[in-house]
Amino acid sequence: MPIKTAKARERILLAAKALFSTQGIRATGIDSIVNSANTSKMSLYKHFSSKEALIVTYLQASDAEFWSWFVEQIERKAQTPKDKLLAIFDVHAGWLASPDFQGCPLIKASVEFPDQSHAVHQVSAAFYRKFRSYMTGLAGQAEARFPERLAGQLCALFQGAIVSEQLQRNSGVADDAKLAAEILIANSIE
């Protein structure tokens, strides 16, 4: 949906998403967002009480959008819990290879807001807790010897590959992460 035809709240979120992902959250000012959204500060503050509230809403929307897409892709690719654990890395590789890939907005936000008590950091951390819980559930269903440990190891691969690919595009890290995941899964699930 073009930014100019969307409703003000949607335009603001679309503008924030584009600017935050290319310029960074802290580097993006309210003036840039309202100009890009073709709206006013009054309108922005009508929909979001502060820049922090806008950031939190943007991250929550990113979480929901990614989560829905990601789980749907995994469900399409695999039937059994073990196969779903492996499919995570297939979907992950496709995401990392996408020309639109600019890193994970939640990881990037947590770097910009390192204070763990900050609302922005908490939204980011909550996403990865949910992700780890999802992996732990799959590992448990697949009868891994230590489901939480396997999930932690797989999450480390997943997150590390995101950061590596952001640092150096087309690095091959997705293939390495999948190979490592296959080894970990094979050693954990009989």
N, C-alpha and C. Protein backbone atom coordinates (compact mmCIF):
# COMPACT_ATOMS: atom_id res chain seq x y z
N MET A 1 0.85 -1.18 0.00
CA MET A 1 0.00 0.00 0.00
C MET A 1 0.89 1.23 0.00
N PRO A 2 0.73 2.12 -0.97
CA PRO A 2 1.55 3.33 -1.01
C PRO A 2 1.34 4.16 0.24
N ILE A 3 2.42 4.78 0.69
CA ILE A 3 2.35 5.57 1.93
C ILE A 3 1.33 6.69 1.81
N LYS A 4 1.20 7.31 0.65
CA LYS A 4 0.29 8.45 0.51
C LYS A 4 -1.17 8.06 0.60
N THR A 5 -1.52 6.82 0.26
CA THR A 5 -2.93 6.45 0.27
C THR A 5 -3.37 5.76 1.55
N ALA A 6 -2.45 5.37 2.39
CA ALA A 6 -2.81 4.71 3.64
C ALA A 6 -3.33 5.74 4.64
N LYS A 7 -4.05 5.27 5.65
CA LYS A 7 -4.51 6.15 6.72
C LYS A 7 -3.30 6.64 7.49
N ALA A 8 -3.46 7.75 8.21
CA ALA A 8 -2.33 8.41 8.88
C ALA A 8 -1.53 7.46 9.76
N ARG A 9 -2.19 6.68 10.61
CA ARG A 9 -1.48 5.76 11.51
C ARG A 9 -0.65 4.77 10.70
N GLU A 10 -1.24 4.21 9.67
CA GLU A 10 -0.54 3.24 8.82
C GLU A 10 0.63 3.91 8.10
N ARG A 11 0.40 5.13 7.61
CA ARG A 11 1.48 5.86 6.92
C ARG A 11 2.65 6.10 7.86
N ILE A 12 2.34 6.47 9.09
CA ILE A 12 3.39 6.73 10.08
C ILE A 12 4.18 5.46 10.34
N LEU A 13 3.49 4.34 10.54
CA LEU A 13 4.18 3.07 10.79
C LEU A 13 5.01 2.63 9.58
N LEU A 14 4.47 2.80 8.38
CA LEU A 14 5.22 2.43 7.17
C LEU A 14 6.47 3.31 7.02
N ALA A 15 6.31 4.59 7.28
CA ALA A 15 7.45 5.50 7.19
C ALA A 15 8.49 5.15 8.25
N ALA A 16 8.03 4.91 9.47
CA ALA A 16 8.96 4.54 10.55
C ALA A 16 9.70 3.26 10.20
N LYS A 17 8.99 2.27 9.68
CA LYS A 17 9.63 1.00 9.31
C LYS A 17 10.73 1.24 8.27
N ALA A 18 10.43 1.99 7.25
CA ALA A 18 11.42 2.26 6.19
C ALA A 18 12.62 3.02 6.73
N LEU A 19 12.36 4.04 7.52
CA LEU A 19 13.45 4.87 8.04
C LEU A 19 14.26 4.16 9.12
N PHE A 20 13.58 3.49 10.03
CA PHE A 20 14.29 2.77 11.09
C PHE A 20 15.19 1.68 10.51
N SER A 21 14.71 1.00 9.48
CA SER A 21 15.50 -0.11 8.93
C SER A 21 16.70 0.37 8.12
N THR A 22 16.62 1.58 7.55
CA THR A 22 17.73 2.08 6.75
C THR A 22 18.64 3.04 7.50
N GLN A 23 18.09 3.82 8.42
CA GLN A 23 18.88 4.84 9.12
C GLN A 23 19.19 4.47 10.57
N GLY A 24 18.44 3.56 11.12
CA GLY A 24 18.55 3.25 12.54
C GLY A 24 17.47 4.00 13.30
N ILE A 25 17.13 3.48 14.46
CA ILE A 25 16.03 4.05 15.24
C ILE A 25 16.42 5.39 15.86
N ARG A 26 17.53 5.41 16.55
CA ARG A 26 17.95 6.65 17.23
C ARG A 26 18.28 7.77 16.24
N ALA A 27 18.80 7.39 15.08
CA ALA A 27 19.19 8.40 14.08
C ALA A 27 17.99 8.98 13.33
N THR A 28 16.85 8.35 13.44
CA THR A 28 15.65 8.81 12.74
C THR A 28 14.86 9.74 13.64
N GLY A 29 14.71 10.97 13.21
CA GLY A 29 13.96 11.94 13.98
C GLY A 29 12.48 11.94 13.63
N ILE A 30 11.71 12.51 14.52
CA ILE A 30 10.26 12.63 14.31
C ILE A 30 9.97 13.42 13.04
N ASP A 31 10.74 14.48 12.79
CA ASP A 31 10.51 15.28 11.58
C ASP A 31 10.64 14.44 10.31
N SER A 32 11.64 13.57 10.27
CA SER A 32 11.81 12.70 9.11
C SER A 32 10.62 11.77 8.93
N ILE A 33 10.13 11.25 10.04
CA ILE A 33 8.99 10.33 9.97
C ILE A 33 7.74 11.05 9.47
N VAL A 34 7.44 12.21 10.03
CA VAL A 34 6.22 12.91 9.61
C VAL A 34 6.34 13.38 8.15
N ASN A 35 7.53 13.80 7.73
CA ASN A 35 7.71 14.19 6.32
C ASN A 35 7.51 13.00 5.40
N SER A 36 8.10 11.88 5.74
CA SER A 36 7.99 10.69 4.91
C SER A 36 6.55 10.16 4.89
N ALA A 37 5.85 10.31 6.00
CA ALA A 37 4.47 9.83 6.11
C ALA A 37 3.46 10.84 5.56
N ASN A 38 3.95 12.01 5.15
CA ASN A 38 3.07 13.05 4.64
C ASN A 38 1.96 13.37 5.64
N THR A 39 2.41 13.65 6.88
CA THR A 39 1.47 13.97 7.95
C THR A 39 2.09 15.04 8.84
N SER A 40 1.53 15.27 9.98
CA SER A 40 2.03 16.31 10.90
C SER A 40 2.45 15.68 12.23
N LYS A 41 3.21 16.45 13.00
CA LYS A 41 3.58 15.98 14.34
C LYS A 41 2.33 15.77 15.20
N MET A 42 1.36 16.64 15.01
CA MET A 42 0.12 16.52 15.78
C MET A 42 -0.53 15.17 15.50
N SER A 43 -0.55 14.79 14.24
CA SER A 43 -1.13 13.51 13.86
C SER A 43 -0.33 12.35 14.44
N LEU A 44 0.98 12.46 14.37
CA LEU A 44 1.82 11.40 14.92
C LEU A 44 1.54 11.23 16.41
N TYR A 45 1.52 12.35 17.14
CA TYR A 45 1.30 12.26 18.58
C TYR A 45 -0.15 11.93 18.95
N LYS A 46 -1.05 12.09 18.01
CA LYS A 46 -2.43 11.65 18.23
C LYS A 46 -2.47 10.11 18.26
N HIS A 47 -1.65 9.49 17.42
CA HIS A 47 -1.65 8.03 17.31
C HIS A 47 -0.62 7.36 18.22
N PHE A 48 0.45 8.07 18.54
CA PHE A 48 1.53 7.52 19.37
C PHE A 48 1.93 8.58 20.38
N SER A 49 1.89 8.25 21.65
CA SER A 49 2.14 9.25 22.70
C SER A 49 3.57 9.77 22.72
N SER A 50 4.49 9.00 22.12
CA SER A 50 5.90 9.40 22.12
C SER A 50 6.62 8.62 21.01
N LYS A 51 7.86 9.01 20.77
CA LYS A 51 8.66 8.25 19.81
C LYS A 51 8.85 6.83 20.32
N GLU A 52 9.05 6.69 21.62
CA GLU A 52 9.20 5.34 22.19
C GLU A 52 7.96 4.50 21.93
N ALA A 53 6.78 5.07 22.08
CA ALA A 53 5.54 4.32 21.81
C ALA A 53 5.47 3.91 20.34
N LEU A 54 5.91 4.79 19.46
CA LEU A 54 5.96 4.46 18.03
C LEU A 54 6.94 3.31 17.78
N ILE A 55 8.10 3.38 18.40
CA ILE A 55 9.11 2.33 18.23
C ILE A 55 8.57 0.99 18.73
N VAL A 56 7.98 0.98 19.90
CA VAL A 56 7.43 -0.26 20.46
C VAL A 56 6.35 -0.83 19.55
N THR A 57 5.47 0.03 19.04
CA THR A 57 4.42 -0.43 18.14
C THR A 57 5.01 -0.99 16.85
N TYR A 58 6.01 -0.31 16.31
CA TYR A 58 6.71 -0.78 15.11
C TYR A 58 7.32 -2.16 15.35
N LEU A 59 7.99 -2.34 16.49
CA LEU A 59 8.63 -3.62 16.78
C LEU A 59 7.59 -4.72 17.01
N GLN A 60 6.51 -4.39 17.69
CA GLN A 60 5.45 -5.38 17.90
C GLN A 60 4.82 -5.80 16.57
N ALA A 61 4.66 -4.85 15.67
CA ALA A 61 4.13 -5.16 14.34
C ALA A 61 5.13 -6.02 13.56
N SER A 62 6.42 -5.70 13.67
CA SER A 62 7.45 -6.50 13.01
C SER A 62 7.45 -7.92 13.55
N ASP A 63 7.34 -8.06 14.86
CA ASP A 63 7.27 -9.36 15.52
C ASP A 63 6.09 -10.16 14.97
N ALA A 64 4.91 -9.56 15.00
CA ALA A 64 3.69 -10.27 14.57
C ALA A 64 3.76 -10.66 13.09
N GLU A 65 4.23 -9.75 12.27
CA GLU A 65 4.32 -10.01 10.83
C GLU A 65 5.33 -11.13 10.55
N PHE A 66 6.50 -11.03 11.15
CA PHE A 66 7.53 -12.04 10.92
C PHE A 66 7.08 -13.40 11.47
N TRP A 67 6.56 -13.39 12.68
CA TRP A 67 6.16 -14.64 13.33
C TRP A 67 5.12 -15.38 12.50
N SER A 68 4.12 -14.68 12.06
CA SER A 68 3.06 -15.29 11.25
C SER A 68 3.64 -15.88 9.97
N TRP A 69 4.44 -15.11 9.26
CA TRP A 69 5.05 -15.57 8.02
C TRP A 69 5.97 -16.76 8.28
N PHE A 70 6.80 -16.66 9.30
CA PHE A 70 7.81 -17.67 9.57
C PHE A 70 7.18 -19.01 9.92
N VAL A 71 6.25 -19.02 10.85
CA VAL A 71 5.62 -20.27 11.27
C VAL A 71 4.83 -20.89 10.11
N GLU A 72 4.17 -20.06 9.32
CA GLU A 72 3.44 -20.57 8.16
C GLU A 72 4.38 -21.28 7.19
N GLN A 73 5.55 -20.70 6.96
CA GLN A 73 6.54 -21.32 6.07
C GLN A 73 7.02 -22.66 6.61
N ILE A 74 7.27 -22.72 7.90
CA ILE A 74 7.74 -23.97 8.52
C ILE A 74 6.67 -25.05 8.41
N GLU A 75 5.42 -24.66 8.71
CA GLU A 75 4.31 -25.63 8.64
C GLU A 75 4.14 -26.16 7.23
N ARG A 76 4.38 -25.34 6.24
CA ARG A 76 4.28 -25.78 4.84
C ARG A 76 5.37 -26.77 4.47
N LYS A 77 6.54 -26.57 5.03
CA LYS A 77 7.71 -27.36 4.62
C LYS A 77 7.85 -28.68 5.36
N ALA A 78 7.27 -28.80 6.55
CA ALA A 78 7.55 -29.98 7.37
C ALA A 78 6.33 -30.43 8.16
N GLN A 79 6.31 -31.71 8.46
CA GLN A 79 5.19 -32.29 9.22
C GLN A 79 5.59 -32.68 10.65
N THR A 80 6.74 -33.32 10.79
CA THR A 80 7.14 -33.80 12.11
C THR A 80 7.92 -32.72 12.86
N PRO A 81 7.92 -32.80 14.19
CA PRO A 81 8.68 -31.80 14.96
C PRO A 81 10.17 -31.75 14.58
N LYS A 82 10.79 -32.90 14.37
CA LYS A 82 12.19 -32.91 13.98
C LYS A 82 12.38 -32.22 12.63
N ASP A 83 11.52 -32.52 11.68
CA ASP A 83 11.62 -31.89 10.37
C ASP A 83 11.34 -30.39 10.45
N LYS A 84 10.48 -29.99 11.38
CA LYS A 84 10.21 -28.55 11.56
C LYS A 84 11.45 -27.84 12.10
N LEU A 85 12.17 -28.49 13.01
CA LEU A 85 13.42 -27.89 13.50
C LEU A 85 14.39 -27.65 12.35
N LEU A 86 14.48 -28.60 11.45
CA LEU A 86 15.35 -28.44 10.29
C LEU A 86 14.80 -27.40 9.32
N ALA A 87 13.48 -27.39 9.15
CA ALA A 87 12.85 -26.43 8.23
C ALA A 87 13.07 -24.99 8.67
N ILE A 88 13.21 -24.79 9.97
CA ILE A 88 13.50 -23.45 10.47
C ILE A 88 14.71 -22.87 9.74
N PHE A 89 15.70 -23.69 9.51
CA PHE A 89 16.93 -23.21 8.88
C PHE A 89 16.79 -23.08 7.36
N ASP A 90 15.85 -23.79 6.77
CA ASP A 90 15.55 -23.59 5.34
C ASP A 90 14.86 -22.24 5.15
N VAL A 91 13.87 -21.98 5.99
CA VAL A 91 13.14 -20.71 5.91
C VAL A 91 14.09 -19.56 6.24
N HIS A 92 14.90 -19.76 7.24
CA HIS A 92 15.90 -18.78 7.66
C HIS A 92 16.83 -18.44 6.50
N ALA A 93 17.31 -19.46 5.79
CA ALA A 93 18.21 -19.24 4.65
C ALA A 93 17.53 -18.43 3.56
N GLY A 94 16.27 -18.73 3.29
CA GLY A 94 15.53 -17.95 2.29
C GLY A 94 15.39 -16.50 2.69
N TRP A 95 15.13 -16.26 3.97
CA TRP A 95 15.01 -14.88 4.47
C TRP A 95 16.35 -14.15 4.35
N LEU A 96 17.42 -14.80 4.76
CA LEU A 96 18.74 -14.16 4.70
C LEU A 96 19.17 -13.87 3.27
N ALA A 97 18.74 -14.70 2.33
CA ALA A 97 19.12 -14.52 0.92
C ALA A 97 18.25 -13.50 0.20
N SER A 98 17.15 -13.11 0.81
CA SER A 98 16.24 -12.16 0.18
C SER A 98 16.95 -10.83 -0.09
N PRO A 99 16.73 -10.25 -1.27
CA PRO A 99 17.35 -8.95 -1.57
C PRO A 99 16.88 -7.85 -0.60
N ASP A 100 15.72 -8.05 0.02
CA ASP A 100 15.18 -7.07 0.96
C ASP A 100 15.72 -7.22 2.39
N PHE A 101 16.50 -8.26 2.63
CA PHE A 101 17.00 -8.51 3.98
C PHE A 101 17.87 -7.36 4.45
N GLN A 102 17.53 -6.80 5.61
CA GLN A 102 18.31 -5.71 6.20
C GLN A 102 18.64 -6.01 7.66
N GLY A 103 18.62 -7.27 8.00
CA GLY A 103 18.86 -7.64 9.39
C GLY A 103 17.54 -7.79 10.11
N CYS A 104 17.62 -8.20 11.34
CA CYS A 104 16.43 -8.36 12.16
C CYS A 104 16.16 -7.05 12.89
N PRO A 105 14.99 -6.45 12.69
CA PRO A 105 14.71 -5.19 13.37
C PRO A 105 14.74 -5.31 14.89
N LEU A 106 14.42 -6.49 15.41
CA LEU A 106 14.41 -6.68 16.85
C LEU A 106 15.83 -6.76 17.42
N ILE A 107 16.71 -7.42 16.71
CA ILE A 107 18.11 -7.47 17.14
C ILE A 107 18.72 -6.07 17.03
N LYS A 108 18.47 -5.40 15.91
CA LYS A 108 19.02 -4.05 15.72
C LYS A 108 18.52 -3.10 16.81
N ALA A 109 17.24 -3.22 17.16
CA ALA A 109 16.68 -2.35 18.20
C ALA A 109 17.32 -2.63 19.56
N SER A 110 17.56 -3.90 19.86
CA SER A 110 18.16 -4.23 21.16
C SER A 110 19.59 -3.70 21.26
N VAL A 111 20.27 -3.60 20.12
CA VAL A 111 21.62 -3.03 20.11
C VAL A 111 21.55 -1.52 20.38
N GLU A 112 20.56 -0.87 19.77
CA GLU A 112 20.41 0.58 19.97
C GLU A 112 19.90 0.93 21.36
N PHE A 113 19.20 -0.01 21.99
CA PHE A 113 18.63 0.20 23.32
C PHE A 113 19.10 -0.94 24.23
N PRO A 114 20.38 -0.92 24.64
CA PRO A 114 20.95 -2.06 25.37
C PRO A 114 20.46 -2.21 26.81
N ASP A 115 19.87 -1.17 27.39
CA ASP A 115 19.37 -1.26 28.76
C ASP A 115 18.21 -2.26 28.79
N GLN A 116 18.40 -3.36 29.49
CA GLN A 116 17.42 -4.44 29.48
C GLN A 116 16.08 -4.05 30.09
N SER A 117 16.05 -2.96 30.83
CA SER A 117 14.78 -2.52 31.42
C SER A 117 14.00 -1.59 30.48
N HIS A 118 14.63 -1.17 29.40
CA HIS A 118 13.97 -0.26 28.45
C HIS A 118 12.89 -1.02 27.66
N ALA A 119 11.77 -0.37 27.44
CA ALA A 119 10.64 -1.00 26.75
C ALA A 119 11.02 -1.53 25.37
N VAL A 120 11.85 -0.80 24.64
CA VAL A 120 12.26 -1.24 23.31
C VAL A 120 13.07 -2.54 23.41
N HIS A 121 14.00 -2.59 24.33
CA HIS A 121 14.80 -3.80 24.52
C HIS A 121 13.90 -4.97 24.94
N GLN A 122 12.95 -4.69 25.80
CA GLN A 122 12.07 -5.74 26.30
C GLN A 122 11.22 -6.37 25.19
N VAL A 123 10.76 -5.57 24.24
CA VAL A 123 9.99 -6.11 23.11
C VAL A 123 10.87 -7.04 22.30
N SER A 124 12.10 -6.64 22.06
CA SER A 124 13.04 -7.46 21.30
C SER A 124 13.34 -8.77 22.03
N ALA A 125 13.62 -8.67 23.31
CA ALA A 125 13.93 -9.85 24.09
C ALA A 125 12.74 -10.80 24.15
N ALA A 126 11.54 -10.25 24.24
CA ALA A 126 10.32 -11.08 24.30
C ALA A 126 10.17 -11.91 23.03
N PHE A 127 10.48 -11.32 21.88
CA PHE A 127 10.38 -12.07 20.63
C PHE A 127 11.30 -13.28 20.67
N TYR A 128 12.54 -13.09 21.08
CA TYR A 128 13.49 -14.21 21.07
C TYR A 128 13.22 -15.21 22.19
N ARG A 129 12.59 -14.78 23.28
CA ARG A 129 12.12 -15.76 24.27
C ARG A 129 11.02 -16.62 23.67
N LYS A 130 10.11 -15.99 22.95
CA LYS A 130 9.02 -16.72 22.29
C LYS A 130 9.60 -17.69 21.25
N PHE A 131 10.59 -17.23 20.50
CA PHE A 131 11.22 -18.07 19.49
C PHE A 131 11.90 -19.27 20.13
N ARG A 132 12.63 -19.02 21.22
CA ARG A 132 13.31 -20.13 21.91
C ARG A 132 12.29 -21.10 22.49
N SER A 133 11.20 -20.59 23.01
CA SER A 133 10.14 -21.45 23.55
C SER A 133 9.54 -22.32 22.44
N TYR A 134 9.35 -21.74 21.28
CA TYR A 134 8.83 -22.48 20.12
C TYR A 134 9.79 -23.62 19.77
N MET A 135 11.08 -23.32 19.71
CA MET A 135 12.07 -24.35 19.41
C MET A 135 12.13 -25.41 20.51
N THR A 136 12.03 -24.97 21.76
CA THR A 136 12.04 -25.93 22.88
C THR A 136 10.85 -26.87 22.76
N GLY A 137 9.69 -26.33 22.42
CA GLY A 137 8.50 -27.17 22.24
C GLY A 137 8.69 -28.20 21.14
N LEU A 138 9.24 -27.76 20.01
CA LEU A 138 9.49 -28.69 18.90
C LEU A 138 10.52 -29.75 19.31
N ALA A 139 11.58 -29.31 20.01
CA ALA A 139 12.61 -30.25 20.44
C ALA A 139 12.03 -31.28 21.42
N GLY A 140 11.17 -30.82 22.30
CA GLY A 140 10.52 -31.74 23.24
C GLY A 140 9.61 -32.73 22.52
N GLN A 141 8.83 -32.23 21.56
CA GLN A 141 7.96 -33.11 20.78
C GLN A 141 8.77 -34.11 19.96
N ALA A 142 9.96 -33.72 19.54
CA ALA A 142 10.83 -34.60 18.77
C ALA A 142 11.63 -35.55 19.68
N GLU A 143 11.40 -35.42 20.98
CA GLU A 143 12.03 -36.27 21.99
C GLU A 143 13.54 -36.09 22.07
N ALA A 144 13.96 -34.84 21.97
CA ALA A 144 15.38 -34.52 22.19
C ALA A 144 15.73 -34.83 23.64
N ARG A 145 16.95 -35.26 23.87
CA ARG A 145 17.37 -35.60 25.24
C ARG A 145 17.30 -34.38 26.16
N PHE A 146 17.74 -33.23 25.67
CA PHE A 146 17.72 -31.99 26.45
C PHE A 146 17.10 -30.90 25.58
N PRO A 147 15.78 -30.83 25.52
CA PRO A 147 15.11 -29.90 24.60
C PRO A 147 15.51 -28.44 24.78
N GLU A 148 15.65 -27.99 26.03
CA GLU A 148 15.99 -26.59 26.26
C GLU A 148 17.41 -26.28 25.78
N ARG A 149 18.31 -27.21 26.00
CA ARG A 149 19.70 -27.01 25.56
C ARG A 149 19.76 -26.97 24.03
N LEU A 150 19.08 -27.93 23.38
CA LEU A 150 19.07 -27.94 21.92
C LEU A 150 18.47 -26.64 21.38
N ALA A 151 17.37 -26.19 21.97
CA ALA A 151 16.75 -24.95 21.52
C ALA A 151 17.70 -23.77 21.69
N GLY A 152 18.42 -23.73 22.79
CA GLY A 152 19.38 -22.65 23.01
C GLY A 152 20.49 -22.67 21.97
N GLN A 153 20.97 -23.84 21.65
CA GLN A 153 22.02 -23.96 20.64
C GLN A 153 21.51 -23.54 19.26
N LEU A 154 20.30 -23.98 18.92
CA LEU A 154 19.72 -23.62 17.62
C LEU A 154 19.43 -22.12 17.54
N CYS A 155 18.97 -21.55 18.64
CA CYS A 155 18.73 -20.10 18.66
C CYS A 155 20.03 -19.32 18.47
N ALA A 156 21.10 -19.80 19.08
CA ALA A 156 22.39 -19.13 18.92
C ALA A 156 22.82 -19.16 17.45
N LEU A 157 22.61 -20.29 16.79
CA LEU A 157 22.93 -20.38 15.36
C LEU A 157 22.07 -19.42 14.56
N PHE A 158 20.78 -19.41 14.85
CA PHE A 158 19.82 -18.58 14.14
C PHE A 158 20.17 -17.10 14.25
N GLN A 159 20.36 -16.64 15.48
CA GLN A 159 20.65 -15.23 15.71
C GLN A 159 22.04 -14.85 15.19
N GLY A 160 23.00 -15.71 15.40
CA GLY A 160 24.35 -15.43 14.92
C GLY A 160 24.41 -15.31 13.40
N ALA A 161 23.66 -16.16 12.72
CA ALA A 161 23.63 -16.10 11.26
C ALA A 161 23.00 -14.80 10.77
N ILE A 162 22.00 -14.32 11.48
CA ILE A 162 21.36 -13.05 11.10
C ILE A 162 22.39 -11.92 11.17
N VAL A 163 23.10 -11.85 12.28
CA VAL A 163 24.08 -10.78 12.46
C VAL A 163 25.22 -10.93 11.44
N SER A 164 25.68 -12.15 11.22
CA SER A 164 26.76 -12.37 10.25
C SER A 164 26.34 -11.95 8.85
N GLU A 165 25.13 -12.29 8.47
CA GLU A 165 24.65 -11.95 7.13
C GLU A 165 24.45 -10.45 6.99
N GLN A 166 24.04 -9.81 8.07
CA GLN A 166 23.89 -8.36 8.03
C GLN A 166 25.26 -7.69 7.86
N LEU A 167 26.27 -8.25 8.49
CA LEU A 167 27.61 -7.69 8.40
C LEU A 167 28.24 -7.91 7.03
N GLN A 168 27.98 -9.09 6.46
CA GLN A 168 28.57 -9.42 5.16
C GLN A 168 27.55 -10.21 4.35
N ARG A 169 26.93 -9.53 3.39
CA ARG A 169 25.91 -10.17 2.55
C ARG A 169 26.53 -11.30 1.72
N ASN A 170 25.69 -12.32 1.46
CA ASN A 170 26.08 -13.49 0.67
C ASN A 170 27.31 -14.19 1.23
N SER A 171 27.35 -14.29 2.54
CA SER A 171 28.51 -14.87 3.23
C SER A 171 28.49 -16.39 3.26
N GLY A 172 27.35 -16.99 2.98
CA GLY A 172 27.22 -18.44 3.07
C GLY A 172 26.92 -18.91 4.48
N VAL A 173 26.70 -17.98 5.39
CA VAL A 173 26.48 -18.33 6.79
C VAL A 173 25.20 -19.14 6.97
N ALA A 174 24.20 -18.95 6.14
CA ALA A 174 22.95 -19.71 6.28
C ALA A 174 23.20 -21.19 6.06
N ASP A 175 24.03 -21.52 5.09
CA ASP A 175 24.38 -22.93 4.84
C ASP A 175 25.15 -23.51 6.03
N ASP A 176 26.07 -22.72 6.56
CA ASP A 176 26.84 -23.18 7.72
C ASP A 176 25.93 -23.40 8.93
N ALA A 177 24.99 -22.47 9.14
CA ALA A 177 24.06 -22.60 10.27
C ALA A 177 23.20 -23.85 10.11
N LYS A 178 22.73 -24.11 8.90
CA LYS A 178 21.89 -25.29 8.69
C LYS A 178 22.70 -26.57 8.92
N LEU A 179 23.92 -26.62 8.43
CA LEU A 179 24.76 -27.80 8.63
C LEU A 179 25.00 -28.03 10.12
N ALA A 180 25.31 -26.98 10.84
CA ALA A 180 25.52 -27.10 12.29
C ALA A 180 24.23 -27.55 12.98
N ALA A 181 23.09 -27.02 12.54
CA ALA A 181 21.80 -27.42 13.11
C ALA A 181 21.54 -28.90 12.87
N GLU A 182 21.82 -29.36 11.66
CA GLU A 182 21.63 -30.79 11.34
C GLU A 182 22.45 -31.67 12.28
N ILE A 183 23.69 -31.27 12.54
CA ILE A 183 24.56 -32.04 13.44
C ILE A 183 24.01 -32.02 14.86
N LEU A 184 23.64 -30.85 15.34
CA LEU A 184 23.10 -30.74 16.70
C LEU A 184 21.82 -31.56 16.86
N ILE A 185 20.94 -31.46 15.88
CA ILE A 185 19.68 -32.20 15.94
C ILE A 185 19.93 -33.70 15.90
N ALA A 186 20.80 -34.14 15.00
CA ALA A 186 21.11 -35.58 14.89
C ALA A 186 21.71 -36.11 16.19
N ASN A 187 22.54 -35.31 16.86
CA ASN A 187 23.16 -35.74 18.11
C ASN A 187 22.21 -35.67 19.31
N SER A 188 21.10 -34.95 19.16
CA SER A 188 20.18 -34.76 20.27
C SER A 188 18.93 -35.63 20.20
N ILE A 189 18.59 -36.02 18.99
CA ILE A 189 17.36 -36.76 18.76
C ILE A 189 17.71 -38.11 18.14
N GLU A 190 17.32 -39.17 18.81
CA GLU A 190 17.65 -40.51 18.30
C GLU A 190 16.61 -41.02 17.34
